[in-house]
mmCIF file of all heavy atoms, coordinates in Angstrom:
data_MODEL
# 
_entry.id   MODEL 
# 
loop_
_atom_site.group_PDB 
_atom_site.id 
_atom_site.type_symbol 
_atom_site.label_atom_id 
_atom_site.label_alt_id 
_atom_site.label_comp_id 
_atom_site.label_asym_id 
_atom_site.label_entity_id 
_atom_site.label_seq_id 
_atom_site.pdbx_PDB_ins_code 
_atom_site.Cartn_x 
_atom_site.Cartn_y 
_atom_site.Cartn_z 
_atom_site.occupancy 
_atom_site.B_iso_or_equiv 
_atom_site.pdbx_formal_charge 
_atom_site.auth_seq_id 
_atom_site.auth_comp_id 
_atom_site.auth_asym_id 
_atom_site.auth_atom_id 
_atom_site.pdbx_PDB_model_num 
ATOM 1   N N   . THR A 1 1  ? 22.603 196.682 191.112 1.00 0.00 ? 1  THR A N   1 
ATOM 2   C CA  . THR A 1 1  ? 23.359 196.298 189.856 1.00 0.00 ? 1  THR A CA  1 
ATOM 3   C C   . THR A 1 1  ? 22.592 196.724 188.646 1.00 0.00 ? 1  THR A C   1 
ATOM 4   O O   . THR A 1 1  ? 21.413 197.136 188.639 1.00 0.00 ? 1  THR A O   1 
ATOM 5   C CB  . THR A 1 1  ? 23.402 194.696 189.797 1.00 0.00 ? 1  THR A CB  1 
ATOM 6   O OG1 . THR A 1 1  ? 22.092 194.220 189.726 1.00 0.00 ? 1  THR A OG1 1 
ATOM 7   C CG2 . THR A 1 1  ? 24.092 194.197 191.030 1.00 0.00 ? 1  THR A CG2 1 
ATOM 8   N N   . ASP A 1 2  ? 23.275 196.736 187.619 1.00 0.00 ? 2  ASP A N   1 
ATOM 9   C CA  . ASP A 1 2  ? 22.710 197.160 186.230 1.00 0.00 ? 2  ASP A CA  1 
ATOM 10  C C   . ASP A 1 2  ? 21.490 196.271 185.900 1.00 0.00 ? 2  ASP A C   1 
ATOM 11  O O   . ASP A 1 2  ? 20.602 196.688 185.281 1.00 0.00 ? 2  ASP A O   1 
ATOM 12  C CB  . ASP A 1 2  ? 23.801 197.154 185.170 1.00 0.00 ? 2  ASP A CB  1 
ATOM 13  C CG  . ASP A 1 2  ? 24.858 198.267 185.245 1.00 0.00 ? 2  ASP A CG  1 
ATOM 14  O OD1 . ASP A 1 2  ? 24.539 199.247 185.925 1.00 0.00 ? 2  ASP A OD1 1 
ATOM 15  O OD2 . ASP A 1 2  ? 25.863 198.114 184.716 1.00 0.00 ? 2  ASP A OD2 1 
ATOM 16  N N   . GLU A 1 3  ? 21.702 194.946 186.235 1.00 0.00 ? 3  GLU A N   1 
ATOM 17  C CA  . GLU A 1 3  ? 20.606 193.980 186.028 1.00 0.00 ? 3  GLU A CA  1 
ATOM 18  C C   . GLU A 1 3  ? 19.331 194.366 186.662 1.00 0.00 ? 3  GLU A C   1 
ATOM 19  O O   . GLU A 1 3  ? 18.263 193.839 186.354 1.00 0.00 ? 3  GLU A O   1 
ATOM 20  C CB  . GLU A 1 3  ? 21.073 192.523 186.348 1.00 0.00 ? 3  GLU A CB  1 
ATOM 21  C CG  . GLU A 1 3  ? 22.228 191.967 185.559 1.00 0.00 ? 3  GLU A CG  1 
ATOM 22  C CD  . GLU A 1 3  ? 23.551 192.595 185.914 1.00 0.00 ? 3  GLU A CD  1 
ATOM 23  O OE1 . GLU A 1 3  ? 23.794 193.050 187.114 1.00 0.00 ? 3  GLU A OE1 1 
ATOM 24  O OE2 . GLU A 1 3  ? 24.464 192.681 185.053 1.00 0.00 ? 3  GLU A OE2 1 
ATOM 25  N N   . ALA A 1 4  ? 19.383 195.165 187.730 1.00 0.00 ? 4  ALA A N   1 
ATOM 26  C CA  . ALA A 1 4  ? 18.204 195.462 188.500 1.00 0.00 ? 4  ALA A CA  1 
ATOM 27  C C   . ALA A 1 4  ? 17.522 196.736 188.058 1.00 0.00 ? 4  ALA A C   1 
ATOM 28  O O   . ALA A 1 4  ? 16.576 197.125 188.758 1.00 0.00 ? 4  ALA A O   1 
ATOM 29  C CB  . ALA A 1 4  ? 18.658 195.683 189.978 1.00 0.00 ? 4  ALA A CB  1 
ATOM 30  N N   . LYS A 1 5  ? 17.884 197.330 187.032 1.00 0.00 ? 5  LYS A N   1 
ATOM 31  C CA  . LYS A 1 5  ? 17.311 198.538 186.561 1.00 0.00 ? 5  LYS A CA  1 
ATOM 32  C C   . LYS A 1 5  ? 15.774 198.349 186.294 1.00 0.00 ? 5  LYS A C   1 
ATOM 33  O O   . LYS A 1 5  ? 14.986 199.326 186.600 1.00 0.00 ? 5  LYS A O   1 
ATOM 34  C CB  . LYS A 1 5  ? 17.840 199.030 185.180 1.00 0.00 ? 5  LYS A CB  1 
ATOM 35  C CG  . LYS A 1 5  ? 19.365 199.415 185.296 1.00 0.00 ? 5  LYS A CG  1 
ATOM 36  C CD  . LYS A 1 5  ? 19.501 200.784 185.918 1.00 0.00 ? 5  LYS A CD  1 
ATOM 37  C CE  . LYS A 1 5  ? 20.888 201.296 185.925 1.00 0.00 ? 5  LYS A CE  1 
ATOM 38  N NZ  . LYS A 1 5  ? 21.182 202.359 186.772 1.00 0.00 ? 5  LYS A NZ  1 
ATOM 39  N N   . GLY A 1 6  ? 15.254 197.160 185.937 1.00 0.00 ? 6  GLY A N   1 
ATOM 40  C CA  . GLY A 1 6  ? 13.885 196.964 185.813 1.00 0.00 ? 6  GLY A CA  1 
ATOM 41  C C   . GLY A 1 6  ? 13.131 196.990 187.066 1.00 0.00 ? 6  GLY A C   1 
ATOM 42  O O   . GLY A 1 6  ? 11.818 197.036 187.109 1.00 0.00 ? 6  GLY A O   1 
ATOM 43  N N   . GLU A 1 7  ? 13.852 196.953 188.213 1.00 0.00 ? 7  GLU A N   1 
ATOM 44  C CA  . GLU A 1 7  ? 13.124 196.980 189.581 1.00 0.00 ? 7  GLU A CA  1 
ATOM 45  C C   . GLU A 1 7  ? 12.881 198.430 189.987 1.00 0.00 ? 7  GLU A C   1 
ATOM 46  O O   . GLU A 1 7  ? 12.317 198.690 191.065 1.00 0.00 ? 7  GLU A O   1 
ATOM 47  C CB  . GLU A 1 7  ? 13.928 196.263 190.657 1.00 0.00 ? 7  GLU A CB  1 
ATOM 48  C CG  . GLU A 1 7  ? 14.314 194.853 190.223 1.00 0.00 ? 7  GLU A CG  1 
ATOM 49  C CD  . GLU A 1 7  ? 13.174 193.933 190.027 1.00 0.00 ? 7  GLU A CD  1 
ATOM 50  O OE1 . GLU A 1 7  ? 12.146 194.150 190.454 1.00 0.00 ? 7  GLU A OE1 1 
ATOM 51  O OE2 . GLU A 1 7  ? 13.311 193.003 189.158 1.00 0.00 ? 7  GLU A OE2 1 
ATOM 52  N N   . ILE A 1 8  ? 13.480 199.418 189.191 1.00 0.00 ? 8  ILE A N   1 
ATOM 53  C CA  . ILE A 1 8  ? 13.236 200.804 189.597 1.00 0.00 ? 8  ILE A CA  1 
ATOM 54  C C   . ILE A 1 8  ? 12.005 201.383 188.981 1.00 0.00 ? 8  ILE A C   1 
ATOM 55  O O   . ILE A 1 8  ? 11.919 201.317 187.763 1.00 0.00 ? 8  ILE A O   1 
ATOM 56  C CB  . ILE A 1 8  ? 14.577 201.638 189.175 1.00 0.00 ? 8  ILE A CB  1 
ATOM 57  C CG1 . ILE A 1 8  ? 15.780 201.079 189.802 1.00 0.00 ? 8  ILE A CG1 1 
ATOM 58  C CG2 . ILE A 1 8  ? 14.355 203.078 189.499 1.00 0.00 ? 8  ILE A CG2 1 
ATOM 59  C CD1 . ILE A 1 8  ? 17.082 201.656 189.241 1.00 0.00 ? 8  ILE A CD1 1 
ATOM 60  N N   . ARG A 1 9  ? 11.139 201.953 189.775 1.00 0.00 ? 9  ARG A N   1 
ATOM 61  C CA  . ARG A 1 9  ? 9.881  202.578 189.277 1.00 0.00 ? 9  ARG A CA  1 
ATOM 62  C C   . ARG A 1 9  ? 10.089 204.028 188.925 1.00 0.00 ? 9  ARG A C   1 
ATOM 63  O O   . ARG A 1 9  ? 9.480  204.600 188.097 1.00 0.00 ? 9  ARG A O   1 
ATOM 64  C CB  . ARG A 1 9  ? 8.759  202.449 190.226 1.00 0.00 ? 9  ARG A CB  1 
ATOM 65  C CG  . ARG A 1 9  ? 8.337  200.959 190.536 1.00 0.00 ? 9  ARG A CG  1 
ATOM 66  C CD  . ARG A 1 9  ? 7.291  200.851 191.493 1.00 0.00 ? 9  ARG A CD  1 
ATOM 67  N NE  . ARG A 1 9  ? 7.023  199.508 191.918 1.00 0.00 ? 9  ARG A NE  1 
ATOM 68  C CZ  . ARG A 1 9  ? 6.275  199.247 192.942 1.00 0.00 ? 9  ARG A CZ  1 
ATOM 69  N NH1 . ARG A 1 9  ? 5.667  200.121 193.647 1.00 0.00 ? 9  ARG A NH1 1 
ATOM 70  N NH2 . ARG A 1 9  ? 6.091  198.004 193.186 1.00 0.00 ? 9  ARG A NH2 1 
ATOM 71  N N   . ARG A 1 10 ? 10.894 204.719 189.820 1.00 0.00 ? 10 ARG A N   1 
ATOM 72  C CA  . ARG A 1 10 ? 11.233 206.149 189.567 1.00 0.00 ? 10 ARG A CA  1 
ATOM 73  C C   . ARG A 1 10 ? 12.529 206.454 190.307 1.00 0.00 ? 10 ARG A C   1 
ATOM 74  O O   . ARG A 1 10 ? 12.900 205.774 191.262 1.00 0.00 ? 10 ARG A O   1 
ATOM 75  C CB  . ARG A 1 10 ? 10.114 207.058 190.073 1.00 0.00 ? 10 ARG A CB  1 
ATOM 76  C CG  . ARG A 1 10 ? 9.889  207.003 191.545 1.00 0.00 ? 10 ARG A CG  1 
ATOM 77  C CD  . ARG A 1 10 ? 8.787  207.990 192.113 1.00 0.00 ? 10 ARG A CD  1 
ATOM 78  N NE  . ARG A 1 10 ? 8.612  207.864 193.459 1.00 0.00 ? 10 ARG A NE  1 
ATOM 79  C CZ  . ARG A 1 10 ? 9.401  208.262 194.482 1.00 0.00 ? 10 ARG A CZ  1 
ATOM 80  N NH1 . ARG A 1 10 ? 10.505 208.867 194.248 1.00 0.00 ? 10 ARG A NH1 1 
ATOM 81  N NH2 . ARG A 1 10 ? 9.064  207.986 195.757 1.00 0.00 ? 10 ARG A NH2 1 
ATOM 82  N N   . SER A 1 11 ? 13.198 207.395 189.880 1.00 0.00 ? 11 SER A N   1 
ATOM 83  C CA  . SER A 1 11 ? 14.478 207.854 190.534 1.00 0.00 ? 11 SER A CA  1 
ATOM 84  C C   . SER A 1 11 ? 14.210 208.377 191.943 1.00 0.00 ? 11 SER A C   1 
ATOM 85  O O   . SER A 1 11 ? 13.266 209.107 192.095 1.00 0.00 ? 11 SER A O   1 
ATOM 86  C CB  . SER A 1 11 ? 15.170 208.974 189.691 1.00 0.00 ? 11 SER A CB  1 
ATOM 87  O OG  . SER A 1 11 ? 15.670 208.345 188.502 1.00 0.00 ? 11 SER A OG  1 
ATOM 88  N N   . ALA A 1 12 ? 15.083 207.924 192.892 1.00 0.00 ? 12 ALA A N   1 
ATOM 89  C CA  . ALA A 1 12 ? 15.028 208.419 194.219 1.00 0.00 ? 12 ALA A CA  1 
ATOM 90  C C   . ALA A 1 12 ? 16.349 208.235 194.869 1.00 0.00 ? 12 ALA A C   1 
ATOM 91  O O   . ALA A 1 12 ? 17.067 207.376 194.475 1.00 0.00 ? 12 ALA A O   1 
ATOM 92  C CB  . ALA A 1 12 ? 13.866 207.744 194.975 1.00 0.00 ? 12 ALA A CB  1 
ATOM 93  N N   . LEU A 1 13 ? 16.557 209.079 195.870 1.00 0.00 ? 13 LEU A N   1 
ATOM 94  C CA  . LEU A 1 13 ? 17.734 208.878 196.798 1.00 0.00 ? 13 LEU A CA  1 
ATOM 95  C C   . LEU A 1 13 ? 17.208 208.942 198.148 1.00 0.00 ? 13 LEU A C   1 
ATOM 96  O O   . LEU A 1 13 ? 16.194 209.731 198.447 1.00 0.00 ? 13 LEU A O   1 
ATOM 97  C CB  . LEU A 1 13 ? 18.750 210.043 196.592 1.00 0.00 ? 13 LEU A CB  1 
ATOM 98  C CG  . LEU A 1 13 ? 19.639 210.019 195.436 1.00 0.00 ? 13 LEU A CG  1 
ATOM 99  C CD1 . LEU A 1 13 ? 19.089 210.706 194.254 1.00 0.00 ? 13 LEU A CD1 1 
ATOM 100 C CD2 . LEU A 1 13 ? 20.915 210.542 195.774 1.00 0.00 ? 13 LEU A CD2 1 
ATOM 101 N N   . CYS A 1 14 ? 17.895 208.217 199.132 1.00 0.00 ? 14 CYS A N   1 
ATOM 102 C CA  . CYS A 1 14 ? 17.595 208.454 200.517 1.00 0.00 ? 14 CYS A CA  1 
ATOM 103 C C   . CYS A 1 14 ? 18.948 208.775 201.142 1.00 0.00 ? 14 CYS A C   1 
ATOM 104 O O   . CYS A 1 14 ? 19.994 208.371 200.711 1.00 0.00 ? 14 CYS A O   1 
ATOM 105 C CB  . CYS A 1 14 ? 16.972 207.213 201.076 1.00 0.00 ? 14 CYS A CB  1 
ATOM 106 S SG  . CYS A 1 14 ? 18.038 205.692 201.091 1.00 0.00 ? 14 CYS A SG  1 
ATOM 107 N N   . LEU A 1 15 ? 18.892 209.476 202.341 1.00 0.00 ? 15 LEU A N   1 
ATOM 108 C CA  . LEU A 1 15 ? 20.118 209.891 203.064 1.00 0.00 ? 15 LEU A CA  1 
ATOM 109 C C   . LEU A 1 15 ? 19.778 209.457 204.473 1.00 0.00 ? 15 LEU A C   1 
ATOM 110 O O   . LEU A 1 15 ? 18.828 209.891 205.118 1.00 0.00 ? 15 LEU A O   1 
ATOM 111 C CB  . LEU A 1 15 ? 20.317 211.373 202.873 1.00 0.00 ? 15 LEU A CB  1 
ATOM 112 C CG  . LEU A 1 15 ? 21.707 211.831 203.581 1.00 0.00 ? 15 LEU A CG  1 
ATOM 113 C CD1 . LEU A 1 15 ? 22.234 212.990 202.788 1.00 0.00 ? 15 LEU A CD1 1 
ATOM 114 C CD2 . LEU A 1 15 ? 21.471 212.190 204.935 1.00 0.00 ? 15 LEU A CD2 1 
ATOM 115 N N   . ILE A 1 16 ? 20.720 208.666 204.986 1.00 0.00 ? 16 ILE A N   1 
ATOM 116 C CA  . ILE A 1 16 ? 20.602 208.187 206.377 1.00 0.00 ? 16 ILE A CA  1 
ATOM 117 C C   . ILE A 1 16 ? 21.997 208.535 207.141 1.00 0.00 ? 16 ILE A C   1 
ATOM 118 O O   . ILE A 1 16 ? 22.988 208.254 206.705 1.00 0.00 ? 16 ILE A O   1 
ATOM 119 C CB  . ILE A 1 16 ? 20.350 206.671 206.594 1.00 0.00 ? 16 ILE A CB  1 
ATOM 120 C CG1 . ILE A 1 16 ? 19.238 206.191 205.693 1.00 0.00 ? 16 ILE A CG1 1 
ATOM 121 C CG2 . ILE A 1 16 ? 20.158 206.281 207.964 1.00 0.00 ? 16 ILE A CG2 1 
ATOM 122 C CD1 . ILE A 1 16 ? 19.115 204.759 205.492 1.00 0.00 ? 16 ILE A CD1 1 
ATOM 123 N N   . ARG A 1 17 ? 21.790 209.243 208.228 1.00 0.00 ? 17 ARG A N   1 
ATOM 124 C CA  . ARG A 1 17 ? 22.955 209.648 209.039 1.00 0.00 ? 17 ARG A CA  1 
ATOM 125 C C   . ARG A 1 17 ? 22.941 208.748 210.350 1.00 0.00 ? 17 ARG A C   1 
ATOM 126 O O   . ARG A 1 17 ? 21.944 208.402 210.910 1.00 0.00 ? 17 ARG A O   1 
ATOM 127 C CB  . ARG A 1 17 ? 22.771 211.145 209.491 1.00 0.00 ? 17 ARG A CB  1 
ATOM 128 C CG  . ARG A 1 17 ? 23.876 211.613 210.370 1.00 0.00 ? 17 ARG A CG  1 
ATOM 129 C CD  . ARG A 1 17 ? 23.354 212.924 211.007 1.00 0.00 ? 17 ARG A CD  1 
ATOM 130 N NE  . ARG A 1 17 ? 24.123 213.168 212.204 1.00 0.00 ? 17 ARG A NE  1 
ATOM 131 C CZ  . ARG A 1 17 ? 23.865 212.661 213.403 1.00 0.00 ? 17 ARG A CZ  1 
ATOM 132 N NH1 . ARG A 1 17 ? 22.863 211.897 213.567 1.00 0.00 ? 17 ARG A NH1 1 
ATOM 133 N NH2 . ARG A 1 17 ? 24.634 213.018 214.376 1.00 0.00 ? 17 ARG A NH2 1 
ATOM 134 N N   . TYR A 1 18 ? 24.096 208.286 210.688 1.00 0.00 ? 18 TYR A N   1 
ATOM 135 C CA  . TYR A 1 18 ? 24.249 207.444 211.868 1.00 0.00 ? 18 TYR A CA  1 
ATOM 136 C C   . TYR A 1 18 ? 25.099 208.147 212.865 1.00 0.00 ? 18 TYR A C   1 
ATOM 137 O O   . TYR A 1 18 ? 26.097 208.801 212.562 1.00 0.00 ? 18 TYR A O   1 
ATOM 138 C CB  . TYR A 1 18 ? 24.969 206.194 211.421 1.00 0.00 ? 18 TYR A CB  1 
ATOM 139 C CG  . TYR A 1 18 ? 24.183 205.289 210.507 1.00 0.00 ? 18 TYR A CG  1 
ATOM 140 C CD1 . TYR A 1 18 ? 24.368 205.372 209.208 1.00 0.00 ? 18 TYR A CD1 1 
ATOM 141 C CD2 . TYR A 1 18 ? 23.195 204.520 211.036 1.00 0.00 ? 18 TYR A CD2 1 
ATOM 142 C CE1 . TYR A 1 18 ? 23.510 204.623 208.314 1.00 0.00 ? 18 TYR A CE1 1 
ATOM 143 C CE2 . TYR A 1 18 ? 22.298 203.743 210.128 1.00 0.00 ? 18 TYR A CE2 1 
ATOM 144 C CZ  . TYR A 1 18 ? 22.493 203.830 208.803 1.00 0.00 ? 18 TYR A CZ  1 
ATOM 145 O OH  . TYR A 1 18 ? 21.729 203.066 207.944 1.00 0.00 ? 18 TYR A OH  1 
ATOM 146 N N   . GLU A 1 19 ? 24.621 208.067 214.105 1.00 0.00 ? 19 GLU A N   1 
ATOM 147 C CA  . GLU A 1 19 ? 25.359 208.728 215.264 1.00 0.00 ? 19 GLU A CA  1 
ATOM 148 C C   . GLU A 1 19 ? 26.690 208.034 215.437 1.00 0.00 ? 19 GLU A C   1 
ATOM 149 O O   . GLU A 1 19 ? 27.784 208.700 215.641 1.00 0.00 ? 19 GLU A O   1 
ATOM 150 C CB  . GLU A 1 19 ? 24.491 208.685 216.526 1.00 0.00 ? 19 GLU A CB  1 
ATOM 151 C CG  . GLU A 1 19 ? 25.070 209.540 217.636 1.00 0.00 ? 19 GLU A CG  1 
ATOM 152 C CD  . GLU A 1 19 ? 25.131 210.998 217.288 1.00 0.00 ? 19 GLU A CD  1 
ATOM 153 O OE1 . GLU A 1 19 ? 24.239 211.605 216.625 1.00 0.00 ? 19 GLU A OE1 1 
ATOM 154 O OE2 . GLU A 1 19 ? 26.230 211.663 217.662 1.00 0.00 ? 19 GLU A OE2 1 
ATOM 155 N N   . GLU A 1 20 ? 26.663 206.697 215.433 1.00 0.00 ? 20 GLU A N   1 
ATOM 156 C CA  . GLU A 1 20 ? 27.901 205.845 215.532 1.00 0.00 ? 20 GLU A CA  1 
ATOM 157 C C   . GLU A 1 20 ? 28.337 205.352 214.251 1.00 0.00 ? 20 GLU A C   1 
ATOM 158 O O   . GLU A 1 20 ? 27.464 204.929 213.517 1.00 0.00 ? 20 GLU A O   1 
ATOM 159 C CB  . GLU A 1 20 ? 27.695 204.722 216.566 1.00 0.00 ? 20 GLU A CB  1 
ATOM 160 C CG  . GLU A 1 20 ? 27.402 205.218 218.014 1.00 0.00 ? 20 GLU A CG  1 
ATOM 161 C CD  . GLU A 1 20 ? 28.529 206.002 218.590 1.00 0.00 ? 20 GLU A CD  1 
ATOM 162 O OE1 . GLU A 1 20 ? 29.737 205.536 218.357 1.00 0.00 ? 20 GLU A OE1 1 
ATOM 163 O OE2 . GLU A 1 20 ? 28.241 206.929 219.232 1.00 0.00 ? 20 GLU A OE2 1 
ATOM 164 N N   . PRO A 1 21 ? 29.625 205.376 213.990 1.00 0.00 ? 21 PRO A N   1 
ATOM 165 C CA  . PRO A 1 21 ? 30.020 204.836 212.592 1.00 0.00 ? 21 PRO A CA  1 
ATOM 166 C C   . PRO A 1 21 ? 29.698 203.320 212.356 1.00 0.00 ? 21 PRO A C   1 
ATOM 167 O O   . PRO A 1 21 ? 29.651 202.492 213.291 1.00 0.00 ? 21 PRO A O   1 
ATOM 168 C CB  . PRO A 1 21 ? 31.542 204.935 212.669 1.00 0.00 ? 21 PRO A CB  1 
ATOM 169 C CG  . PRO A 1 21 ? 31.845 205.914 213.789 1.00 0.00 ? 21 PRO A CG  1 
ATOM 170 C CD  . PRO A 1 21 ? 30.744 205.726 214.739 1.00 0.00 ? 21 PRO A CD  1 
ATOM 171 N N   . VAL A 1 22 ? 29.310 203.059 211.112 1.00 0.00 ? 22 VAL A N   1 
ATOM 172 C CA  . VAL A 1 22 ? 29.023 201.677 210.747 1.00 0.00 ? 22 VAL A CA  1 
ATOM 173 C C   . VAL A 1 22 ? 30.396 201.185 210.073 1.00 0.00 ? 22 VAL A C   1 
ATOM 174 O O   . VAL A 1 22 ? 30.924 201.870 209.240 1.00 0.00 ? 22 VAL A O   1 
ATOM 175 C CB  . VAL A 1 22 ? 27.830 201.633 209.692 1.00 0.00 ? 22 VAL A CB  1 
ATOM 176 C CG1 . VAL A 1 22 ? 27.716 200.206 209.117 1.00 0.00 ? 22 VAL A CG1 1 
ATOM 177 C CG2 . VAL A 1 22 ? 26.575 202.054 210.321 1.00 0.00 ? 22 VAL A CG2 1 
ATOM 178 N N   . ASP A 1 23 ? 30.756 199.992 210.333 1.00 0.00 ? 23 ASP A N   1 
ATOM 179 C CA  . ASP A 1 23 ? 32.041 199.398 209.779 1.00 0.00 ? 23 ASP A CA  1 
ATOM 180 C C   . ASP A 1 23 ? 31.720 198.943 208.422 1.00 0.00 ? 23 ASP A C   1 
ATOM 181 O O   . ASP A 1 23 ? 30.918 198.105 208.133 1.00 0.00 ? 23 ASP A O   1 
ATOM 182 C CB  . ASP A 1 23 ? 32.468 198.273 210.665 1.00 0.00 ? 23 ASP A CB  1 
ATOM 183 C CG  . ASP A 1 23 ? 33.733 197.637 210.102 1.00 0.00 ? 23 ASP A CG  1 
ATOM 184 O OD1 . ASP A 1 23 ? 34.180 197.979 208.893 1.00 0.00 ? 23 ASP A OD1 1 
ATOM 185 O OD2 . ASP A 1 23 ? 34.313 196.772 210.745 1.00 0.00 ? 23 ASP A OD2 1 
ATOM 186 N N   . TRP A 1 24 ? 32.367 199.700 207.507 1.00 0.00 ? 24 TRP A N   1 
ATOM 187 C CA  . TRP A 1 24 ? 32.197 199.429 206.003 1.00 0.00 ? 24 TRP A CA  1 
ATOM 188 C C   . TRP A 1 24 ? 33.458 198.803 205.496 1.00 0.00 ? 24 TRP A C   1 
ATOM 189 O O   . TRP A 1 24 ? 34.234 199.508 204.870 1.00 0.00 ? 24 TRP A O   1 
ATOM 190 C CB  . TRP A 1 24 ? 31.791 200.684 205.209 1.00 0.00 ? 24 TRP A CB  1 
ATOM 191 C CG  . TRP A 1 24 ? 30.871 200.525 204.098 1.00 0.00 ? 24 TRP A CG  1 
ATOM 192 C CD1 . TRP A 1 24 ? 31.147 200.157 202.843 1.00 0.00 ? 24 TRP A CD1 1 
ATOM 193 C CD2 . TRP A 1 24 ? 29.448 200.629 204.037 1.00 0.00 ? 24 TRP A CD2 1 
ATOM 194 N NE1 . TRP A 1 24 ? 30.097 200.077 202.046 1.00 0.00 ? 24 TRP A NE1 1 
ATOM 195 C CE2 . TRP A 1 24 ? 28.995 200.354 202.887 1.00 0.00 ? 24 TRP A CE2 1 
ATOM 196 C CE3 . TRP A 1 24 ? 28.552 200.904 205.084 1.00 0.00 ? 24 TRP A CE3 1 
ATOM 197 C CZ2 . TRP A 1 24 ? 27.658 200.450 202.405 1.00 0.00 ? 24 TRP A CZ2 1 
ATOM 198 C CZ3 . TRP A 1 24 ? 27.142 201.023 204.725 1.00 0.00 ? 24 TRP A CZ3 1 
ATOM 199 C CH2 . TRP A 1 24 ? 26.750 200.801 203.392 1.00 0.00 ? 24 TRP A CH2 1 
ATOM 200 N N   . ASP A 1 25 ? 33.658 197.529 205.702 1.00 0.00 ? 25 ASP A N   1 
ATOM 201 C CA  . ASP A 1 25 ? 34.901 196.892 205.275 1.00 0.00 ? 25 ASP A CA  1 
ATOM 202 C C   . ASP A 1 25 ? 36.165 197.554 205.920 1.00 0.00 ? 25 ASP A C   1 
ATOM 203 O O   . ASP A 1 25 ? 37.130 197.847 205.198 1.00 0.00 ? 25 ASP A O   1 
ATOM 204 C CB  . ASP A 1 25 ? 35.010 196.704 203.792 1.00 0.00 ? 25 ASP A CB  1 
ATOM 205 C CG  . ASP A 1 25 ? 33.813 195.859 203.233 1.00 0.00 ? 25 ASP A CG  1 
ATOM 206 O OD1 . ASP A 1 25 ? 33.383 194.958 203.928 1.00 0.00 ? 25 ASP A OD1 1 
ATOM 207 O OD2 . ASP A 1 25 ? 33.276 196.336 202.241 1.00 0.00 ? 25 ASP A OD2 1 
ATOM 208 N N   . GLY A 1 26 ? 36.102 197.895 207.191 1.00 0.00 ? 26 GLY A N   1 
ATOM 209 C CA  . GLY A 1 26 ? 37.163 198.653 207.854 1.00 0.00 ? 26 GLY A CA  1 
ATOM 210 C C   . GLY A 1 26 ? 37.174 200.117 207.766 1.00 0.00 ? 26 GLY A C   1 
ATOM 211 O O   . GLY A 1 26 ? 38.034 200.771 208.270 1.00 0.00 ? 26 GLY A O   1 
# 
């Protein structure tokens, strides 16, 4: 959330690939 910007020390992204689909609200 925008309120959590103070919890970020530096910019980063992670990428995780799943073999089987994860149900994301259908």
